[in-house]
């Protein structure tokens, strides 16, 4: 049996800009990291995890840039925040922010962006239902990291971690992956009409 090669679609950024040089890739990931920092600072402070627009930005960064550049942009964001730039929620920064109760979500962003980017490279974001499923899965992935980290950080059970780190966010965060789906689906439809 002969295996068929896996086909990948161009990501939205590659339809706009030629990213052949490392300088352009670095500029792209830096811009994405700074936009994520802006989204993090649009927040409602709650304990132990604040409400922010970060996860919406993570999904869009992954979908817009693809799995590799999307994940690299998130890693760059974590590094810039760790060295002290006020890129994390509520304007926080520094290495200690990567050891706070909400740090698990920050680590989960890397994997969430990667999955959203993988979905876009497979063309799922061009179809509303497939995009919705893909972005919902990518969004839930960051909660796996966040809730497991909360369990260890606060020394609580899985049920208690779900109560403080997942259930309060379910409704608002469902809206985020729906918005991400609508944005990417609309961008691709607009692009198709312009061609």
Protein backbone atom coordinates (compact mmCIF):
# COMPACT_ATOMS: atom_id res chain seq x y z
CA UNK A 1 0.00 0.00 0.00
CA UNK A 2 1.39 3.37 -1.03
CA UNK A 3 1.04 6.24 1.44
CA UNK A 4 -0.27 9.51 0.08
CA UNK A 5 1.80 12.60 0.94
CA UNK A 6 0.19 14.92 3.45
CA UNK A 7 -0.88 18.16 1.83
CA UNK A 8 -0.59 21.42 3.68
CA UNK A 9 -2.35 24.65 2.81
CA UNK A 10 -0.66 28.04 2.99
CA UNK A 11 -1.37 29.94 6.18
CA UNK A 12 -2.99 33.35 5.93
CA UNK A 13 0.23 35.23 6.65
CA UNK A 14 1.97 33.55 3.71
CA UNK A 15 -0.73 34.86 1.37
CA UNK A 16 0.15 38.39 2.46
CA UNK A 17 3.91 38.40 3.05
CA UNK A 18 6.90 36.45 1.78
CA UNK A 19 8.48 34.94 4.91
CA UNK A 20 11.54 33.48 3.23
CA UNK A 21 14.11 35.31 5.38
CA UNK A 22 14.73 34.75 9.08
CA UNK A 23 14.50 38.53 9.64
CA UNK A 24 10.92 38.61 8.37
CA UNK A 25 10.04 35.56 10.45
CA UNK A 26 11.54 37.20 13.54
CA UNK A 27 9.65 40.43 12.88
CA UNK A 28 6.44 38.44 12.44
CA UNK A 29 6.84 36.43 15.65
CA UNK A 30 7.90 39.52 17.63
CA UNK A 31 4.84 41.42 16.41
CA UNK A 32 2.62 38.48 17.35
CA UNK A 33 4.24 38.24 20.80
CA UNK A 34 3.65 41.94 21.44
CA UNK A 35 0.02 41.67 20.28
CA UNK A 36 -0.42 38.78 22.68
CA UNK A 37 1.00 40.98 25.44
CA UNK A 38 -1.56 43.64 24.55
CA UNK A 39 -4.37 41.06 24.68
CA UNK A 40 -3.11 39.87 28.09
CA UNK A 41 -3.46 43.35 29.49
CA UNK A 42 -7.11 43.58 28.47
CA UNK A 43 -8.25 41.70 31.53
CA UNK A 44 -10.50 41.43 34.54
CA UNK A 45 -8.37 40.54 37.57
CA UNK A 46 -9.72 37.44 39.33
CA UNK A 47 -7.93 34.90 41.53
CA UNK A 48 -6.31 32.52 40.88
CA UNK A 49 -6.73 33.04 37.12
CA UNK A 50 -7.65 36.40 35.52
CA UNK A 51 -10.08 36.78 32.60
CA UNK A 52 -8.11 37.99 29.55
CA UNK A 53 -8.22 37.99 25.76
CA UNK A 54 -4.99 35.97 25.64
CA UNK A 55 -6.50 32.67 24.59
CA UNK A 56 -8.36 34.30 21.69
CA UNK A 57 -5.10 35.91 20.56
CA UNK A 58 -3.28 32.56 20.91
CA UNK A 59 -5.77 30.83 18.62
CA UNK A 60 -5.55 33.61 16.04
CA UNK A 61 -1.74 33.71 16.18
CA UNK A 62 -1.55 29.97 15.63
CA UNK A 63 -4.09 30.02 12.80
CA UNK A 64 -2.62 33.10 11.14
CA UNK A 65 1.05 32.09 11.35
CA UNK A 66 0.87 28.28 11.25
CA UNK A 67 2.08 25.72 13.76
CA UNK A 68 5.81 26.46 13.80
CA UNK A 69 5.78 30.26 13.71
CA UNK A 70 2.72 30.35 15.95
CA UNK A 71 4.38 28.22 18.63
CA UNK A 72 7.62 30.21 18.28
CA UNK A 73 5.71 33.47 18.75
CA UNK A 74 4.25 32.15 22.01
CA UNK A 75 7.67 30.97 23.22
CA UNK A 76 9.08 34.39 22.36
CA UNK A 77 6.22 35.99 24.31
CA UNK A 78 7.06 33.85 27.36
CA UNK A 79 10.76 34.77 27.11
CA UNK A 80 10.05 38.50 26.73
CA UNK A 81 7.68 38.38 29.70
CA UNK A 82 10.15 36.38 31.78
CA UNK A 83 12.89 38.98 31.27
CA UNK A 84 10.60 41.62 32.72
CA UNK A 85 8.48 43.16 29.97
CA UNK A 86 4.93 43.73 31.28
CA UNK A 87 3.36 41.30 28.81
CA UNK A 88 1.48 39.00 31.16
CA UNK A 89 -1.99 39.58 32.63
CA UNK A 90 -2.44 42.81 34.60
CA UNK A 91 0.89 44.18 33.33
CA UNK A 92 2.99 41.63 35.18
CA UNK A 93 6.34 40.37 34.02
CA UNK A 94 9.48 38.72 35.32
CA UNK A 95 10.52 35.15 35.87
CA UNK A 96 8.24 34.76 38.91
CA UNK A 97 5.20 35.24 36.66
CA UNK A 98 6.11 31.88 35.13
CA UNK A 99 5.64 30.28 38.55
CA UNK A 100 2.29 31.87 39.45
CA UNK A 101 -1.01 29.98 39.82
CA UNK A 102 -1.92 30.75 36.20
CA UNK A 103 1.44 29.68 34.71
CA UNK A 104 0.05 26.39 33.43
CA UNK A 105 -2.14 28.30 31.02
CA UNK A 106 0.88 30.21 29.74
CA UNK A 107 2.69 26.96 28.99
CA UNK A 108 -0.45 25.55 27.41
CA UNK A 109 -0.54 28.49 24.99
CA UNK A 110 2.43 27.04 23.10
CA UNK A 111 0.59 23.77 22.42
CA UNK A 112 -2.70 25.51 21.75
CA UNK A 113 -1.11 27.77 19.12
CA UNK A 114 0.63 24.77 17.58
CA UNK A 115 -2.65 22.85 17.28
CA UNK A 116 -4.50 25.89 15.86
CA UNK A 117 -1.64 26.35 13.38
CA UNK A 118 -1.71 22.69 12.41
CA UNK A 119 -5.46 22.97 11.79
CA UNK A 120 -4.96 26.01 9.58
CA UNK A 121 -2.22 24.27 7.61
CA UNK A 122 -4.67 21.43 6.95
CA UNK A 123 -7.23 23.98 5.70
CA UNK A 124 -9.72 23.48 8.53
CA UNK A 125 -10.02 27.23 9.13
CA UNK A 126 -11.43 27.61 5.61
CA UNK A 127 -14.51 25.59 6.64
CA UNK A 128 -16.69 26.86 9.47
CA UNK A 129 -17.57 23.56 11.20
CA UNK A 130 -14.08 22.05 10.85
CA UNK A 131 -12.57 25.31 12.07
CA UNK A 132 -14.92 25.46 15.03
CA UNK A 133 -14.03 21.90 16.08
CA UNK A 134 -10.29 22.51 15.60
CA UNK A 135 -10.27 25.79 17.53
CA UNK A 136 -12.43 24.30 20.29
CA UNK A 137 -9.90 21.46 20.70
CA UNK A 138 -6.94 23.85 20.62
CA UNK A 139 -8.63 26.04 23.21
CA UNK A 140 -9.44 23.14 25.53
CA UNK A 141 -5.83 21.98 25.34
CA UNK A 142 -4.61 25.04 27.21
CA UNK A 143 -7.06 24.23 30.02
CA UNK A 144 -5.52 20.79 30.41
CA UNK A 145 -2.18 22.45 31.18
CA UNK A 146 -3.77 25.15 33.34
CA UNK A 147 -5.89 22.83 35.48
CA UNK A 148 -3.14 20.24 36.00
CA UNK A 149 -0.70 23.01 37.00
CA UNK A 150 -3.28 24.47 39.42
CA UNK A 151 -3.67 21.07 41.06
CA UNK A 152 0.04 20.94 41.81
CA UNK A 153 0.45 24.62 42.68
CA UNK A 154 -2.49 24.83 45.08
CA UNK A 155 -2.29 21.18 46.22
CA UNK A 156 -5.95 20.58 45.42
CA UNK A 157 -7.94 17.79 43.80
CA UNK A 158 -8.85 17.68 40.12
CA UNK A 159 -12.47 18.55 40.96
CA UNK A 160 -11.38 21.62 42.93
CA UNK A 161 -8.96 22.66 40.19
CA UNK A 162 -11.76 22.39 37.62
CA UNK A 163 -14.00 24.52 39.87
CA UNK A 164 -11.49 27.38 40.08
CA UNK A 165 -9.53 27.00 36.84
CA UNK A 166 -12.03 25.81 34.25
CA UNK A 167 -15.73 26.15 35.09
CA UNK A 168 -15.73 29.95 35.66
CA UNK A 169 -14.32 30.42 32.15
CA UNK A 170 -16.40 27.96 30.11
CA UNK A 171 -19.00 30.39 28.76
CA UNK A 172 -16.70 33.29 27.93
CA UNK A 173 -14.02 31.04 26.52
CA UNK A 174 -16.49 29.23 24.27
CA UNK A 175 -17.17 32.64 22.78
CA UNK A 176 -13.44 33.07 22.14
CA UNK A 177 -13.03 30.00 19.95
CA UNK A 178 -16.25 30.89 18.13
CA UNK A 179 -14.85 34.37 17.43
CA UNK A 180 -11.54 32.88 16.26
CA UNK A 181 -13.43 30.59 13.89
CA UNK A 182 -15.52 33.46 12.51
CA UNK A 183 -12.45 35.68 12.02
CA UNK A 184 -10.43 33.09 10.11
CA UNK A 185 -13.40 31.82 8.08
CA UNK A 186 -14.29 35.42 7.12
CA UNK A 187 -10.69 36.26 6.18
CA UNK A 188 -10.48 33.26 3.86
CA UNK A 189 -13.85 34.03 2.28
CA UNK A 190 -12.84 37.65 1.72
CA UNK A 191 -9.56 36.49 0.18
CA UNK A 192 -11.37 34.07 -2.13
CA UNK A 193 -13.69 36.85 -3.35
CA UNK A 194 -10.72 39.16 -4.07
CA UNK A 195 -9.02 36.57 -6.31
